[in-house]
């Protein structure tokens, strides 16, 4: 199975976003991170993709979206575990 395309949409000072980015600092993986609060183009992209939903953090996995920091971390762990098992 191919590595999914991952994009994490965050808001700079959001404590729930920090929870996810702290996890990623300790467990690096290939993921694009976009701050929708400080980057206007990322904000427009995010709103267009989510139909106007503004909740962050938001993990885009290929063409689906996941909210809630603890759920996102669990999904990232699953993806990392799958990558380890492929090796």
N, C-alpha and C. Protein backbone atom coordinates (compact mmCIF):
# COMPACT_ATOMS: atom_id res chain seq x y z
N UNK A 1 0.85 -1.19 0.00
CA UNK A 1 0.00 0.00 0.00
C UNK A 1 0.89 1.24 0.00
N UNK A 2 0.54 2.20 -0.82
CA UNK A 2 1.33 3.42 -0.94
C UNK A 2 1.10 4.32 0.27
N UNK A 3 2.12 5.09 0.58
CA UNK A 3 2.02 6.08 1.66
C UNK A 3 0.94 7.08 1.29
N UNK A 4 -0.02 7.33 2.19
CA UNK A 4 -1.06 8.32 1.87
C UNK A 4 -0.49 9.72 1.80
N UNK A 5 -1.16 10.57 1.03
CA UNK A 5 -0.79 11.98 0.97
C UNK A 5 -1.36 12.65 2.22
N UNK A 6 -0.50 13.25 3.02
CA UNK A 6 -0.91 13.83 4.29
C UNK A 6 -0.65 15.33 4.32
N UNK A 7 -1.67 16.07 4.74
CA UNK A 7 -1.53 17.50 4.99
C UNK A 7 -2.19 17.79 6.32
N UNK A 8 -1.48 18.49 7.19
CA UNK A 8 -2.01 18.87 8.49
C UNK A 8 -2.27 20.36 8.47
N UNK A 9 -3.53 20.74 8.68
CA UNK A 9 -3.90 22.15 8.77
C UNK A 9 -3.98 22.51 10.25
N UNK A 10 -3.25 23.55 10.62
CA UNK A 10 -3.19 23.97 12.02
C UNK A 10 -3.48 25.46 12.13
N UNK A 11 -3.69 25.88 13.37
CA UNK A 11 -3.77 27.30 13.71
C UNK A 11 -2.65 27.57 14.70
N UNK A 12 -1.81 28.55 14.40
CA UNK A 12 -0.58 28.81 15.14
C UNK A 12 -0.59 28.63 16.64
N UNK A 13 -1.49 29.25 17.36
CA UNK A 13 -1.44 29.19 18.82
C UNK A 13 -2.49 28.24 19.40
N UNK A 14 -3.09 27.42 18.58
CA UNK A 14 -4.10 26.46 19.02
C UNK A 14 -3.43 25.35 19.85
N UNK A 15 -3.87 25.15 21.11
CA UNK A 15 -3.24 24.13 21.95
C UNK A 15 -3.46 22.71 21.42
N UNK A 16 -4.56 22.46 20.73
CA UNK A 16 -4.80 21.13 20.17
C UNK A 16 -3.90 20.86 18.97
N UNK A 17 -3.64 21.91 18.22
CA UNK A 17 -2.69 21.81 17.10
C UNK A 17 -1.29 21.55 17.64
N UNK A 18 -0.94 22.23 18.73
CA UNK A 18 0.37 22.04 19.35
C UNK A 18 0.54 20.59 19.80
N UNK A 19 -0.52 19.98 20.28
CA UNK A 19 -0.46 18.57 20.71
C UNK A 19 -0.02 17.70 19.53
N UNK A 20 -0.59 17.95 18.36
CA UNK A 20 -0.25 17.15 17.18
C UNK A 20 1.16 17.48 16.68
N UNK A 21 1.50 18.76 16.63
CA UNK A 21 2.85 19.10 16.13
C UNK A 21 3.93 18.65 17.11
N UNK A 22 3.65 18.65 18.41
CA UNK A 22 4.60 18.10 19.38
C UNK A 22 4.83 16.62 19.12
N UNK A 23 3.75 15.90 18.83
CA UNK A 23 3.89 14.48 18.50
C UNK A 23 4.77 14.31 17.26
N UNK A 24 4.54 15.14 16.25
CA UNK A 24 5.32 15.03 15.01
C UNK A 24 6.79 15.40 15.21
N UNK A 25 7.07 16.30 16.14
CA UNK A 25 8.47 16.62 16.43
C UNK A 25 9.19 15.42 17.03
N UNK A 26 8.49 14.65 17.83
CA UNK A 26 9.08 13.47 18.48
C UNK A 26 9.04 12.25 17.57
N UNK A 27 8.15 12.26 16.59
CA UNK A 27 7.95 11.13 15.69
C UNK A 27 7.86 11.65 14.26
N UNK A 28 8.99 12.07 13.70
CA UNK A 28 8.96 12.70 12.37
C UNK A 28 8.41 11.76 11.29
N UNK A 29 7.67 12.36 10.40
CA UNK A 29 7.16 11.64 9.24
C UNK A 29 6.91 12.65 8.12
N UNK A 30 6.71 12.10 6.92
CA UNK A 30 6.49 12.97 5.76
C UNK A 30 5.06 13.49 5.79
N UNK A 31 4.91 14.78 6.12
CA UNK A 31 3.60 15.39 6.21
C UNK A 31 3.75 16.89 5.97
N UNK A 32 2.90 17.44 5.15
CA UNK A 32 2.91 18.88 4.90
C UNK A 32 2.07 19.55 5.98
N UNK A 33 2.60 20.60 6.58
CA UNK A 33 1.90 21.33 7.63
C UNK A 33 1.62 22.74 7.14
N UNK A 34 0.34 23.15 7.23
CA UNK A 34 -0.05 24.48 6.77
C UNK A 34 -0.77 25.19 7.90
N UNK A 35 -0.31 26.40 8.22
CA UNK A 35 -0.93 27.21 9.27
C UNK A 35 -1.98 28.10 8.64
N UNK A 36 -3.23 27.78 8.87
CA UNK A 36 -4.33 28.51 8.23
C UNK A 36 -4.60 29.85 8.89
N UNK A 37 -4.02 30.08 10.05
CA UNK A 37 -4.21 31.37 10.74
C UNK A 37 -3.21 32.41 10.28
N UNK A 38 -2.05 31.98 9.79
CA UNK A 38 -1.04 32.96 9.39
C UNK A 38 -0.79 32.98 7.88
N UNK A 39 -1.31 32.02 7.15
CA UNK A 39 -1.07 31.93 5.71
C UNK A 39 -2.42 32.03 4.99
N UNK A 40 -2.66 33.17 4.38
CA UNK A 40 -3.95 33.43 3.74
C UNK A 40 -4.27 32.42 2.65
N UNK A 41 -3.28 32.04 1.85
CA UNK A 41 -3.56 31.07 0.79
C UNK A 41 -3.89 29.70 1.37
N UNK A 42 -3.23 29.31 2.46
CA UNK A 42 -3.55 28.04 3.13
C UNK A 42 -4.96 28.10 3.71
N UNK A 43 -5.34 29.25 4.24
CA UNK A 43 -6.67 29.43 4.80
C UNK A 43 -7.73 29.27 3.71
N UNK A 44 -7.54 29.92 2.58
CA UNK A 44 -8.49 29.81 1.47
C UNK A 44 -8.59 28.37 0.97
N UNK A 45 -7.45 27.72 0.83
CA UNK A 45 -7.42 26.32 0.40
C UNK A 45 -8.19 25.44 1.38
N UNK A 46 -7.91 25.62 2.66
CA UNK A 46 -8.55 24.84 3.72
C UNK A 46 -10.07 25.02 3.71
N UNK A 47 -10.52 26.26 3.64
CA UNK A 47 -11.95 26.53 3.63
C UNK A 47 -12.63 25.94 2.40
N UNK A 48 -11.95 26.01 1.27
CA UNK A 48 -12.52 25.44 0.04
C UNK A 48 -12.61 23.92 0.14
N UNK A 49 -11.59 23.30 0.68
CA UNK A 49 -11.58 21.83 0.79
C UNK A 49 -12.59 21.31 1.79
N UNK A 50 -12.79 22.04 2.87
CA UNK A 50 -13.66 21.56 3.95
C UNK A 50 -15.08 22.12 3.86
N UNK A 51 -15.37 22.85 2.83
CA UNK A 51 -16.70 23.42 2.69
C UNK A 51 -17.00 24.50 3.71
N UNK A 52 -15.95 25.18 4.16
CA UNK A 52 -16.12 26.27 5.11
C UNK A 52 -15.93 25.88 6.57
N UNK A 53 -15.70 24.61 6.84
CA UNK A 53 -15.46 24.18 8.22
C UNK A 53 -14.11 24.72 8.67
N UNK A 54 -14.07 25.33 9.85
CA UNK A 54 -12.85 26.02 10.28
C UNK A 54 -12.11 25.32 11.40
N UNK A 55 -12.57 24.16 11.85
CA UNK A 55 -11.95 23.49 13.00
C UNK A 55 -10.56 22.99 12.67
N UNK A 56 -9.60 23.37 13.51
CA UNK A 56 -8.24 22.86 13.43
C UNK A 56 -7.91 22.21 14.77
N UNK A 57 -7.01 21.26 14.80
CA UNK A 57 -6.27 20.70 13.68
C UNK A 57 -7.17 19.86 12.78
N UNK A 58 -6.73 19.76 11.55
CA UNK A 58 -7.42 18.95 10.57
C UNK A 58 -6.37 18.21 9.74
N UNK A 59 -6.48 16.91 9.74
CA UNK A 59 -5.56 16.09 8.95
C UNK A 59 -6.27 15.67 7.67
N UNK A 60 -5.67 16.01 6.54
CA UNK A 60 -6.19 15.56 5.24
C UNK A 60 -5.39 14.32 4.86
N UNK A 61 -6.12 13.23 4.68
CA UNK A 61 -5.51 11.96 4.27
C UNK A 61 -6.06 11.64 2.89
N UNK A 62 -5.21 11.81 1.88
CA UNK A 62 -5.66 11.71 0.50
C UNK A 62 -6.82 12.68 0.29
N UNK A 63 -8.06 12.18 0.21
CA UNK A 63 -9.20 13.07 -0.02
C UNK A 63 -10.20 13.08 1.14
N UNK A 64 -9.80 12.58 2.30
CA UNK A 64 -10.70 12.61 3.45
C UNK A 64 -10.08 13.46 4.56
N UNK A 65 -10.91 13.86 5.51
CA UNK A 65 -10.47 14.77 6.57
C UNK A 65 -10.75 14.18 7.94
N UNK A 66 -9.87 14.49 8.87
CA UNK A 66 -10.02 14.04 10.24
C UNK A 66 -9.76 15.21 11.16
N UNK A 67 -10.63 15.40 12.14
CA UNK A 67 -10.47 16.44 13.14
C UNK A 67 -10.24 15.76 14.49
N UNK A 68 -9.96 16.53 15.49
CA UNK A 68 -9.70 16.08 16.87
C UNK A 68 -8.26 15.59 17.01
N UNK A 69 -7.52 16.29 17.82
CA UNK A 69 -6.08 16.06 17.95
C UNK A 69 -5.74 14.64 18.37
N UNK A 70 -6.44 14.07 19.32
CA UNK A 70 -6.11 12.72 19.77
C UNK A 70 -6.41 11.68 18.69
N UNK A 71 -7.48 11.87 17.93
CA UNK A 71 -7.79 10.98 16.81
C UNK A 71 -6.72 11.09 15.73
N UNK A 72 -6.27 12.31 15.47
CA UNK A 72 -5.22 12.53 14.47
C UNK A 72 -3.94 11.83 14.89
N UNK A 73 -3.55 11.96 16.14
CA UNK A 73 -2.33 11.31 16.62
C UNK A 73 -2.44 9.80 16.49
N UNK A 74 -3.58 9.24 16.84
CA UNK A 74 -3.77 7.79 16.70
C UNK A 74 -3.65 7.35 15.25
N UNK A 75 -4.20 8.14 14.33
CA UNK A 75 -4.11 7.81 12.90
C UNK A 75 -2.66 7.90 12.43
N UNK A 76 -1.94 8.92 12.88
CA UNK A 76 -0.53 9.04 12.50
C UNK A 76 0.28 7.86 13.02
N UNK A 77 -0.02 7.40 14.22
CA UNK A 77 0.64 6.21 14.77
C UNK A 77 0.37 4.99 13.90
N UNK A 78 -0.88 4.82 13.46
CA UNK A 78 -1.24 3.71 12.58
C UNK A 78 -0.45 3.76 11.28
N UNK A 79 -0.36 4.93 10.70
CA UNK A 79 0.37 5.09 9.44
C UNK A 79 1.85 4.78 9.64
N UNK A 80 2.42 5.27 10.73
CA UNK A 80 3.83 5.00 11.01
C UNK A 80 4.05 3.51 11.24
N UNK A 81 3.15 2.86 11.96
CA UNK A 81 3.28 1.43 12.23
C UNK A 81 3.21 0.64 10.93
N UNK A 82 2.32 1.02 10.03
CA UNK A 82 2.21 0.36 8.73
C UNK A 82 3.49 0.52 7.93
N UNK A 83 4.11 1.70 8.02
CA UNK A 83 5.37 1.94 7.32
C UNK A 83 6.48 1.06 7.88
N UNK A 84 6.51 0.89 9.19
CA UNK A 84 7.52 0.05 9.85
C UNK A 84 7.35 -1.41 9.42
N UNK A 85 6.12 -1.86 9.35
CA UNK A 85 5.86 -3.25 8.97
C UNK A 85 6.22 -3.53 7.53
N UNK A 86 6.18 -2.50 6.67
CA UNK A 86 6.55 -2.68 5.26
C UNK A 86 8.05 -2.87 5.09
N UNK A 87 8.83 -2.36 6.04
CA UNK A 87 10.29 -2.39 5.90
C UNK A 87 10.85 -3.77 6.15
